[in-house]
Amino acid sequence: EITYADMWFGDKAHAYKGVAHGQQDIAWWYGAAKMYQKINILESQAIALKRGKEVDKMLHAKGRKNVAGIVGSIVGIVAVIMFGAALWKKKRDTQHS
């Protein structure tokens, strides 16, 4: 937004004043050329934002899969521990009887 505001209020004014006063070098070097530079900056920022959005989508999708995998692993470990504890208790009870 700052780049766009600077382009609109600063560089556009130089281009307009250069044309209005018949100074082609001012209109080009301080007006149009600066505006083209800022347009390139805005386009590269737009590309970076789009890439960032795609990366966020991929991380979000992978994040849900990772959470499901972690929860599944924890449930599996707890089930094995409970099964082992039940077998150990049964073995202990049969030895004491």
PDB file of N, CA and C in Angstrom:
ATOM      1  N   GLU A   1       0.821  -1.190   0.000  1.00  0.00           N
ATOM      2  CA  GLU A   1       0.000   0.000   0.000  1.00  0.00           C
ATOM      3  C   GLU A   1       0.862   1.250   0.000  1.00  0.00           C
ATOM      4  N   ILE A   2       1.967   1.194   0.731  1.00  0.00           N
ATOM      5  CA  ILE A   2       2.855   2.354   0.780  1.00  0.00           C
ATOM      6  C   ILE A   2       3.472   2.598  -0.589  1.00  0.00           C
ATOM      7  N   THR A   3       3.861   1.530  -1.253  1.00  0.00           N
ATOM      8  CA  THR A   3       4.445   1.661  -2.590  1.00  0.00           C
ATOM      9  C   THR A   3       3.432   2.267  -3.551  1.00  0.00           C
ATOM     10  N   TYR A   4       2.192   1.800  -3.470  1.00  0.00           N
ATOM     11  CA  TYR A   4       1.152   2.328  -4.355  1.00  0.00           C
ATOM     12  C   TYR A   4       0.867   3.792  -4.046  1.00  0.00           C
ATOM     13  N   ALA A   5       0.785   4.144  -2.770  1.00  0.00           N
ATOM     14  CA  ALA A   5       0.517   5.539  -2.393  1.00  0.00           C
ATOM     15  C   ALA A   5       1.655   6.442  -2.854  1.00  0.00           C
ATOM     16  N   ASP A   6       2.893   5.990  -2.689  1.00  0.00           N
ATOM     17  CA  ASP A   6       4.036   6.778  -3.136  1.00  0.00           C
ATOM     18  C   ASP A   6       4.004   6.952  -4.651  1.00  0.00           C
ATOM     19  N   MET A   7       3.628   5.895  -5.346  1.00  0.00           N
ATOM     20  CA  MET A   7       3.529   5.964  -6.796  1.00  0.00           C
ATOM     21  C   MET A   7       2.420   6.936  -7.211  1.00  0.00           C
ATOM     22  N   TRP A   8       1.292   6.872  -6.533  1.00  0.00           N
ATOM     23  CA  TRP A   8       0.143   7.686  -6.913  1.00  0.00           C
ATOM     24  C   TRP A   8       0.359   9.161  -6.597  1.00  0.00           C
ATOM     25  N   PHE A   9       0.818   9.444  -5.385  1.00  0.00           N
ATOM     26  CA  PHE A   9       0.925  10.840  -4.965  1.00  0.00           C
ATOM     27  C   PHE A   9       2.262  11.483  -5.330  1.00  0.00           C
ATOM     28  N   GLY A  10       3.308  10.698  -5.536  1.00  0.00           N
ATOM     29  CA  GLY A  10       4.609  11.278  -5.833  1.00  0.00           C
ATOM     30  C   GLY A  10       4.988  11.197  -7.292  1.00  0.00           C
ATOM     31  N   ASP A  11       5.116   9.991  -7.786  1.00  0.00           N
ATOM     32  CA  ASP A  11       5.625   9.794  -9.143  1.00  0.00           C
ATOM     33  C   ASP A  11       4.635  10.253 -10.209  1.00  0.00           C
ATOM     34  N   LYS A  12       3.356  10.043  -9.951  1.00  0.00           N
ATOM     35  CA  LYS A  12       2.344  10.497 -10.915  1.00  0.00           C
ATOM     36  C   LYS A  12       2.371  12.020 -11.027  1.00  0.00           C
ATOM     37  N   ALA A  13       2.575  12.677  -9.895  1.00  0.00           N
ATOM     38  CA  ALA A  13       2.621  14.138  -9.904  1.00  0.00           C
ATOM     39  C   ALA A  13       3.824  14.638 -10.704  1.00  0.00           C
ATOM     40  N   HIS A  14       4.974  13.979 -10.554  1.00  0.00           N
ATOM     41  CA  HIS A  14       6.142  14.375 -11.341  1.00  0.00           C
ATOM     42  C   HIS A  14       5.884  14.179 -12.829  1.00  0.00           C
ATOM     43  N   ALA A  15       5.276  13.069 -13.177  1.00  0.00           N
ATOM     44  CA  ALA A  15       4.987  12.815 -14.592  1.00  0.00           C
ATOM     45  C   ALA A  15       4.033  13.875 -15.136  1.00  0.00           C
ATOM     46  N   TYR A  16       3.001  14.191 -14.374  1.00  0.00           N
ATOM     47  CA  TYR A  16       2.017  15.189 -14.813  1.00  0.00           C
ATOM     48  C   TYR A  16       2.671  16.563 -14.954  1.00  0.00           C
ATOM     49  N   LYS A  17       3.457  16.959 -13.957  1.00  0.00           N
ATOM     50  CA  LYS A  17       4.101  18.277 -14.001  1.00  0.00           C
ATOM     51  C   LYS A  17       5.100  18.362 -15.152  1.00  0.00           C
ATOM     52  N   GLY A  18       5.820  17.260 -15.388  1.00  0.00           N
ATOM     53  CA  GLY A  18       6.773  17.263 -16.491  1.00  0.00           C
ATOM     54  C   GLY A  18       6.084  17.455 -17.831  1.00  0.00           C
ATOM     55  N   VAL A  19       4.958  16.781 -18.015  1.00  0.00           N
ATOM     56  CA  VAL A  19       4.204  16.926 -19.265  1.00  0.00           C
ATOM     57  C   VAL A  19       3.582  18.315 -19.350  1.00  0.00           C
ATOM     58  N   ALA A  20       3.019  18.786 -18.241  1.00  0.00           N
ATOM     59  CA  ALA A  20       2.348  20.087 -18.237  1.00  0.00           C
ATOM     60  C   ALA A  20       3.322  21.223 -18.541  1.00  0.00           C
ATOM     61  N   HIS A  21       4.558  21.097 -18.091  1.00  0.00           N
ATOM     62  CA  HIS A  21       5.540  22.161 -18.305  1.00  0.00           C
ATOM     63  C   HIS A  21       6.442  21.892 -19.506  1.00  0.00           C
ATOM     64  N   GLY A  22       6.163  20.822 -20.221  1.00  0.00           N
ATOM     65  CA  GLY A  22       6.927  20.529 -21.428  1.00  0.00           C
ATOM     66  C   GLY A  22       8.336  20.039 -21.146  1.00  0.00           C
ATOM     67  N   GLN A  23       8.563  19.459 -19.997  1.00  0.00           N
ATOM     68  CA  GLN A  23       9.888  18.937 -19.649  1.00  0.00           C
ATOM     69  C   GLN A  23       9.846  17.410 -19.745  1.00  0.00           C
ATOM     70  N   GLN A  24      10.279  16.923 -20.893  1.00  0.00           N
ATOM     71  CA  GLN A  24      10.191  15.494 -21.146  1.00  0.00           C
ATOM     72  C   GLN A  24      11.090  14.682 -20.219  1.00  0.00           C
ATOM     73  N   ASP A  25      12.258  15.214 -19.883  1.00  0.00           N
ATOM     74  CA  ASP A  25      13.148  14.452 -19.010  1.00  0.00           C
ATOM     75  C   ASP A  25      12.548  14.296 -17.612  1.00  0.00           C
ATOM     76  N   ILE A  26      11.918  15.327 -17.088  1.00  0.00           N
ATOM     77  CA  ILE A  26      11.267  15.230 -15.774  1.00  0.00           C
ATOM     78  C   ILE A  26      10.098  14.250 -15.861  1.00  0.00           C
ATOM     79  N   ALA A  27       9.307  14.357 -16.935  1.00  0.00           N
ATOM     80  CA  ALA A  27       8.154  13.471 -17.101  1.00  0.00           C
ATOM     81  C   ALA A  27       8.594  12.010 -17.153  1.00  0.00           C
ATOM     82  N   TRP A  28       9.735  11.739 -17.812  1.00  0.00           N
ATOM     83  CA  TRP A  28      10.172  10.351 -17.925  1.00  0.00           C
ATOM     84  C   TRP A  28      10.963   9.890 -16.707  1.00  0.00           C
ATOM     85  N   TRP A  29      12.081  10.566 -16.387  1.00  0.00           N
ATOM     86  CA  TRP A  29      12.993  10.063 -15.359  1.00  0.00           C
ATOM     87  C   TRP A  29      12.414  10.136 -13.952  1.00  0.00           C
ATOM     88  N   TYR A  30      11.655  11.175 -13.661  1.00  0.00           N
ATOM     89  CA  TYR A  30      11.106  11.308 -12.310  1.00  0.00           C
ATOM     90  C   TYR A  30       9.641  10.894 -12.225  1.00  0.00           C
ATOM     91  N   GLY A  31       9.029  10.641 -13.356  1.00  0.00           N
ATOM     92  CA  GLY A  31       7.623  10.274 -13.362  1.00  0.00           C
ATOM     93  C   GLY A  31       7.383   8.860 -13.843  1.00  0.00           C
ATOM     94  N   ALA A  32       7.377   8.687 -15.152  1.00  0.00           N
ATOM     95  CA  ALA A  32       6.998   7.401 -15.740  1.00  0.00           C
ATOM     96  C   ALA A  32       7.968   6.282 -15.363  1.00  0.00           C
ATOM     97  N   ALA A  33       9.275   6.546 -15.402  1.00  0.00           N
ATOM     98  CA  ALA A  33      10.248   5.490 -15.089  1.00  0.00           C
ATOM     99  C   ALA A  33      10.091   5.017 -13.648  1.00  0.00           C
ATOM    100  N   LYS A  34       9.892   5.956 -12.736  1.00  0.00           N
ATOM    101  CA  LYS A  34       9.689   5.585 -11.326  1.00  0.00           C
ATOM    102  C   LYS A  34       8.394   4.799 -11.154  1.00  0.00           C
ATOM    103  N   MET A  35       7.370   5.187 -11.899  1.00  0.00           N
ATOM    104  CA  MET A  35       6.102   4.453 -11.808  1.00  0.00           C
ATOM    105  C   MET A  35       6.267   3.025 -12.318  1.00  0.00           C
ATOM    106  N   TYR A  36       7.006   2.846 -13.419  1.00  0.00           N
ATOM    107  CA  TYR A  36       7.241   1.494 -13.928  1.00  0.00           C
ATOM    108  C   TYR A  36       8.028   0.650 -12.923  1.00  0.00           C
ATOM    109  N   GLN A  37       8.996   1.263 -12.244  1.00  0.00           N
ATOM    110  CA  GLN A  37       9.743   0.544 -11.208  1.00  0.00           C
ATOM    111  C   GLN A  37       8.809   0.089 -10.089  1.00  0.00           C
ATOM    112  N   LYS A  38       7.926   0.977  -9.680  1.00  0.00           N
ATOM    113  CA  LYS A  38       7.021   0.637  -8.576  1.00  0.00           C
ATOM    114  C   LYS A  38       5.983  -0.401  -9.012  1.00  0.00           C
ATOM    115  N   ILE A  39       5.577  -0.348 -10.277  1.00  0.00           N
ATOM    116  CA  ILE A  39       4.654  -1.370 -10.782  1.00  0.00           C
ATOM    117  C   ILE A  39       5.334  -2.739 -10.732  1.00  0.00           C
ATOM    118  N   ASN A  40       6.617  -2.794 -11.109  1.00  0.00           N
ATOM    119  CA  ASN A  40       7.358  -4.060 -11.019  1.00  0.00           C
ATOM    120  C   ASN A  40       7.456  -4.540  -9.574  1.00  0.00           C
ATOM    121  N   ILE A  41       7.672  -3.623  -8.645  1.00  0.00           N
ATOM    122  CA  ILE A  41       7.724  -3.990  -7.226  1.00  0.00           C
ATOM    123  C   ILE A  41       6.383  -4.567  -6.788  1.00  0.00           C
ATOM    124  N   LEU A  42       5.296  -3.907  -7.170  1.00  0.00           N
ATOM    125  CA  LEU A  42       3.962  -4.392  -6.796  1.00  0.00           C
ATOM    126  C   LEU A  42       3.678  -5.768  -7.391  1.00  0.00           C
ATOM    127  N   GLU A  43       4.081  -5.979  -8.645  1.00  0.00           N
ATOM    128  CA  GLU A  43       3.863  -7.286  -9.270  1.00  0.00           C
ATOM    129  C   GLU A  43       4.667  -8.380  -8.570  1.00  0.00           C
ATOM    130  N   SER A  44       5.909  -8.095  -8.199  1.00  0.00           N
ATOM    131  CA  SER A  44       6.707  -9.109  -7.505  1.00  0.00           C
ATOM    132  C   SER A  44       6.152  -9.380  -6.113  1.00  0.00           C
ATOM    133  N   GLN A  45       5.623  -8.356  -5.443  1.00  0.00           N
ATOM    134  CA  GLN A  45       4.988  -8.573  -4.144  1.00  0.00           C
ATOM    135  C   GLN A  45       3.727  -9.414  -4.290  1.00  0.00           C
ATOM    136  N   ALA A  46       2.979  -9.192  -5.359  1.00  0.00           N
ATOM    137  CA  ALA A  46       1.768  -9.991  -5.596  1.00  0.00           C
ATOM    138  C   ALA A  46       2.129 -11.460  -5.823  1.00  0.00           C
ATOM    139  N   ILE A  47       3.191 -11.706  -6.571  1.00  0.00           N
ATOM    140  CA  ILE A  47       3.635 -13.087  -6.803  1.00  0.00           C
ATOM    141  C   ILE A  47       4.055 -13.731  -5.490  1.00  0.00           C
ATOM    142  N   ALA A  48       4.793 -12.984  -4.662  1.00  0.00           N
ATOM    143  CA  ALA A  48       5.232 -13.522  -3.367  1.00  0.00           C
ATOM    144  C   ALA A  48       4.040 -13.837  -2.472  1.00  0.00           C
ATOM    145  N   LEU A  49       3.031 -12.979  -2.481  1.00  0.00           N
ATOM    146  CA  LEU A  49       1.834 -13.233  -1.669  1.00  0.00           C
ATOM    147  C   LEU A  49       1.081 -14.468  -2.155  1.00  0.00           C
ATOM    148  N   LYS A  50       0.981 -14.634  -3.473  1.00  0.00           N
ATOM    149  CA  LYS A  50       0.302 -15.817  -4.015  1.00  0.00           C
ATOM    150  C   LYS A  50       1.054 -17.092  -3.652  1.00  0.00           C
ATOM    151  N   ARG A  51       2.386 -17.052  -3.743  1.00  0.00           N
ATOM    152  CA  ARG A  51       3.185 -18.224  -3.355  1.00  0.00           C
ATOM    153  C   ARG A  51       3.017 -18.516  -1.871  1.00  0.00           C
ATOM    154  N   GLY A  52       3.011 -17.472  -1.065  1.00  0.00           N
ATOM    155  CA  GLY A  52       2.818 -17.656   0.369  1.00  0.00           C
ATOM    156  C   GLY A  52       1.475 -18.272   0.691  1.00  0.00           C
ATOM    157  N   LYS A  53       0.453 -17.879  -0.049  1.00  0.00           N
ATOM    158  CA  LYS A  53      -0.877 -18.449   0.164  1.00  0.00           C
ATOM    159  C   LYS A  53      -0.882 -19.939  -0.177  1.00  0.00           C
ATOM    160  N   GLU A  54      -0.215 -20.303  -1.274  1.00  0.00           N
ATOM    161  CA  GLU A  54      -0.138 -21.720  -1.658  1.00  0.00           C
ATOM    162  C   GLU A  54       0.624 -22.526  -0.609  1.00  0.00           C
ATOM    163  N   VAL A  55       1.706 -21.963  -0.092  1.00  0.00           N
ATOM    164  CA  VAL A  55       2.488 -22.656   0.941  1.00  0.00           C
ATOM    165  C   VAL A  55       1.652 -22.838   2.202  1.00  0.00           C
ATOM    166  N   ASP A  56       0.905 -21.798   2.588  1.00  0.00           N
ATOM    167  CA  ASP A  56       0.040 -21.913   3.763  1.00  0.00           C
ATOM    168  C   ASP A  56      -1.003 -23.006   3.582  1.00  0.00           C
ATOM    169  N   LYS A  57      -1.573 -23.094   2.386  1.00  0.00           N
ATOM    170  CA  LYS A  57      -2.558 -24.147   2.123  1.00  0.00           C
ATOM    171  C   LYS A  57      -1.926 -25.528   2.258  1.00  0.00           C
ATOM    172  N   MET A  58      -0.722 -25.685   1.705  1.00  0.00           N
ATOM    173  CA  MET A  58      -0.049 -26.983   1.778  1.00  0.00           C
ATOM    174  C   MET A  58       0.304 -27.332   3.219  1.00  0.00           C
ATOM    175  N   LEU A  59       0.801 -26.364   3.976  1.00  0.00           N
ATOM    176  CA  LEU A  59       1.155 -26.632   5.369  1.00  0.00           C
ATOM    177  C   LEU A  59      -0.075 -26.958   6.196  1.00  0.00           C
ATOM    178  N   HIS A  60      -1.168 -26.265   5.925  1.00  0.00           N
ATOM    179  CA  HIS A  60      -2.404 -26.534   6.663  1.00  0.00           C
ATOM    180  C   HIS A  60      -2.903 -27.945   6.374  1.00  0.00           C
ATOM    181  N   ALA A  61      -2.870 -28.350   5.111  1.00  0.00           N
ATOM    182  CA  ALA A  61      -3.320 -29.701   4.746  1.00  0.00           C
ATOM    183  C   ALA A  61      -2.408 -30.756   5.363  1.00  0.00           C
ATOM    184  N   LYS A  62      -1.100 -30.527   5.330  1.00  0.00           N
ATOM    185  CA  LYS A  62      -0.166 -31.486   5.918  1.00  0.00           C
ATOM    186  C   LYS A  62      -0.292 -31.492   7.433  1.00  0.00           C
ATOM    187  N   GLY A  63      -0.591 -30.343   8.006  1.00  0.00           N
ATOM    188  CA  GLY A  63      -0.714 -30.255   9.458  1.00  0.00           C
ATOM    189  C   GLY A  63      -1.827 -31.133   9.985  1.00  0.00           C
ATOM    190  N   ARG A  64      -2.954 -31.156   9.283  1.00  0.00           N
ATOM    191  CA  ARG A  64      -4.060 -32.013   9.722  1.00  0.00           C
ATOM    192  C   ARG A  64      -3.675 -33.478   9.629  1.00  0.00           C
ATOM    193  N   LYS A  65      -2.955 -33.860   8.588  1.00  0.00           N
ATOM    194  CA  LYS A  65      -2.530 -35.255   8.439  1.00  0.00           C
ATOM    195  C   LYS A  65      -1.538 -35.624   9.535  1.00  0.00           C
ATOM    196  N   ASN A  66      -0.638 -34.708   9.860  1.00  0.00           N
ATOM    197  CA  ASN A  66       0.340 -34.984  10.911  1.00  0.00           C
ATOM    198  C   ASN A  66      -0.338 -35.155  12.257  1.00  0.00           C
ATOM    199  N   VAL A  67      -1.324 -34.314  12.549  1.00  0.00           N
ATOM    200  CA  VAL A  67      -2.039 -34.420  13.824  1.00  0.00           C
ATOM    201  C   VAL A  67      -2.765 -35.752  13.902  1.00  0.00           C
ATOM    202  N   ALA A  68      -3.404 -36.148  12.811  1.00  0.00           N
ATOM    203  CA  ALA A  68      -4.103 -37.435  12.806  1.00  0.00           C
ATOM    204  C   ALA A  68      -3.115 -38.581  13.009  1.00  0.00           C
ATOM    205  N   GLY A  69      -1.962 -38.498  12.404  1.00  0.00           N
ATOM    206  CA  GLY A  69      -0.952 -39.535  12.577  1.00  0.00           C
ATOM    207  C   GLY A  69      -0.433 -39.602  13.998  1.00  0.00           C
ATOM    208  N   ILE A  70      -0.230 -38.445  14.609  1.00  0.00           N
ATOM    209  CA  ILE A  70       0.256 -38.409  15.989  1.00  0.00           C
ATOM    210  C   ILE A  70      -0.790 -38.969  16.935  1.00  0.00           C
ATOM    211  N   VAL A  71      -2.042 -38.546  16.760  1.00  0.00           N
ATOM    212  CA  VAL A  71      -3.121 -39.041  17.625  1.00  0.00           C
ATOM    213  C   VAL A  71      -3.281 -40.549  17.446  1.00  0.00           C
ATOM    214  N   GLY A  72      -3.233 -41.016  16.218  1.00  0.00           N
ATOM    215  CA  GLY A  72      -3.337 -42.454  15.966  1.00  0.00           C
ATOM    216  C   GLY A  72      -2.204 -43.230  16.618  1.00  0.00           C
ATOM    217  N   SER A  73      -1.002 -42.683  16.561  1.00  0.00           N
ATOM    218  CA  SER A  73       0.137 -43.345  17.207  1.00  0.00           C
ATOM    219  C   SER A  73      -0.040 -43.405  18.716  1.00  0.00           C
ATOM    220  N   ILE A  74      -0.502 -42.312  19.299  1.00  0.00           N
ATOM    221  CA  ILE A  74      -0.712 -42.286  20.755  1.00  0.00           C
ATOM    222  C   ILE A  74      -1.770 -43.302  21.160  1.00  0.00           C
ATOM    223  N   VAL A  75      -2.866 -43.352  20.416  1.00  0.00           N
ATOM    224  CA  VAL A  75      -3.931 -44.320  20.719  1.00  0.00           C
ATOM    225  C   VAL A  75      -3.391 -45.742  20.594  1.00  0.00           C
ATOM    226  N   GLY A  76      -2.599 -46.002  19.575  1.00  0.00           N
ATOM    227  CA  GLY A  76      -2.012 -47.331  19.395  1.00  0.00           C
ATOM    228  C   GLY A  76      -1.085 -47.709  20.537  1.00  0.00           C
ATOM    229  N   ILE A  77      -0.256 -46.776  20.963  1.00  0.00           N
ATOM    230  CA  ILE A  77       0.665 -47.045  22.074  1.00  0.00           C
ATOM    231  C   ILE A  77      -0.105 -47.310  23.360  1.00  0.00           C
ATOM    232  N   VAL A  78      -1.124 -46.487  23.624  1.00  0.00           N
ATOM    233  CA  VAL A  78      -1.942 -46.683  24.832  1.00  0.00           C
ATOM    234  C   VAL A  78      -2.632 -48.042  24.785  1.00  0.00           C
ATOM    235  N   ALA A  79      -3.136 -48.444  23.621  1.00  0.00           N
ATOM    236  CA  ALA A  79      -3.805 -49.744  23.496  1.00  0.00           C
ATOM    237  C   ALA A  79      -2.829 -50.883  23.780  1.00  0.00           C
ATOM    238  N   VAL A  80      -1.616 -50.794  23.261  1.00  0.00           N
ATOM    239  CA  VAL A  80      -0.612 -51.837  23.502  1.00  0.00           C
ATOM    240  C   VAL A  80      -0.251 -51.894  24.983  1.00  0.00           C
ATOM    241  N   ILE A  81      -0.084 -50.733  25.609  1.00  0.00           N
ATOM    242  CA  ILE A  81       0.243 -50.700  27.043  1.00  0.00           C
ATOM    243  C   ILE A  81      -0.888 -51.300  27.869  1.00  0.00           C
ATOM    244  N   MET A  82      -2.131 -50.944  27.540  1.00  0.00           N
ATOM    245  CA  MET A  82      -3.274 -51.483  28.289  1.00  0.00           C
ATOM    246  C   MET A  82      -3.380 -52.997  28.094  1.00  0.00           C
ATOM    247  N   PHE A  83      -3.165 -53.463  26.868  1.00  0.00           N
ATOM    248  CA  PHE A  83      -3.210 -54.901  26.598  1.00  0.00           C
ATOM    249  C   PHE A  83      -2.105 -55.622  27.374  1.00  0.00           C
ATOM    250  N   GLY A  84      -0.919 -55.047  27.365  1.00  0.00           N
ATOM    251  CA  GLY A  84       0.193 -55.634  28.117  1.00  0.00           C
ATOM    252  C   GLY A  84      -0.079 -55.643  29.611  1.00  0.00           C
ATOM    253  N   ALA A  85      -0.671 -54.558  30.128  1.00  0.00           N
ATOM    254  CA  ALA A  85      -0.995 -54.495  31.558  1.00  0.00           C
ATOM    255  C   ALA A  85      -2.050 -55.532  31.914  1.00  0.00           C
ATOM    256  N   ALA A  86      -3.038 -55.724  31.024  1.00  0.00           N
ATOM    257  CA  ALA A  86      -4.085 -56.721  31.285  1.00  0.00           C
ATOM    258  C   ALA A  86      -3.483 -58.124  31.311  1.00  0.00           C
ATOM    259  N   LEU A  87      -2.590 -58.425  30.368  1.00  0.00           N
ATOM    260  CA  LEU A  87      -1.931 -59.737  30.362  1.00  0.00           C
ATOM    261  C   LEU A  87      -1.068 -59.932  31.608  1.00  0.00           C
ATOM    262  N   TRP A  88      -0.331 -58.898  31.987  1.00  0.00           N
ATOM    263  CA  TRP A  88       0.526 -58.989  33.172  1.00  0.00           C
ATOM    264  C   TRP A  88      -0.318 -59.236  34.429  1.00  0.00           C
ATOM    265  N   LYS A  89      -1.461 -58.511  34.544  1.00  0.00           N
ATOM    266  CA  LYS A  89      -2.338 -58.677  35.710  1.00  0.00           C
ATOM    267  C   LYS A  89      -2.929 -60.088  35.736  1.00  0.00           C
ATOM    268  N   LYS A  90      -3.344 -60.571  34.559  1.00  0.00           N
ATOM    269  CA  LYS A  90      -3.925 -61.916  34.494  1.00  0.00           C
ATOM    270  C   LYS A  90      -2.884 -62.959  34.894  1.00  0.00           C
ATOM    271  N   LYS A  91      -1.655 -62.785  34.419  1.00  0.00           N
ATOM    272  CA  LYS A  91      -0.587 -63.725  34.755  1.00  0.00           C
ATOM    273  C   LYS A  91      -0.278 -63.673  36.259  1.00  0.00           C
ATOM    274  N   ARG A  92      -0.268 -62.494  36.827  1.00  0.00           N
ATOM    275  CA  ARG A  92       0.013 -62.332  38.246  1.00  0.00           C
ATOM    276  C   ARG A  92      -1.094 -62.947  39.096  1.00  0.00           C
ATOM    277  N   ASP A  93      -2.353 -62.749  38.665  1.00  0.00           N
ATOM    278  CA  ASP A  93      -3.486 -63.309  39.414  1.00  0.00           C
ATOM    279  C   ASP A  93      -3.483 -64.841  39.365  1.00  0.00           C
ATOM    280  N   THR A  94      -3.116 -65.415  38.230  1.00  0.00           N
ATOM    281  CA  THR A  94      -3.089 -66.883  38.125  1.00  0.00           C
ATOM    282  C   THR A  94      -1.936 -67.480  38.926  1.00  0.00           C
ATOM    283  N   GLN A  95      -0.846 -66.749  39.084  1.00  0.00           N
ATOM    284  CA  GLN A  95       0.279 -67.257  39.866  1.00  0.00           C
ATOM    285  C   GLN A  95      -0.016 -67.222  41.362  1.00  0.00           C
ATOM    286  N   HIS A  96      -0.792 -66.250  41.826  1.00  0.00           N
ATOM    287  CA  HIS A  96      -1.112 -66.120  43.240  1.00  0.00           C
ATOM    288  C   HIS A  96      -2.260 -67.031  43.658  1.00  0.00           C
ATOM    289  N   SER A  97      -2.992 -67.573  42.726  1.00  0.00           N
ATOM    290  CA  SER A  97      -4.130 -68.409  43.094  1.00  0.00           C
ATOM    291  C   SER A  97      -3.763 -69.828  43.348  1.00  0.00           C
TER     292      SER A  97
END
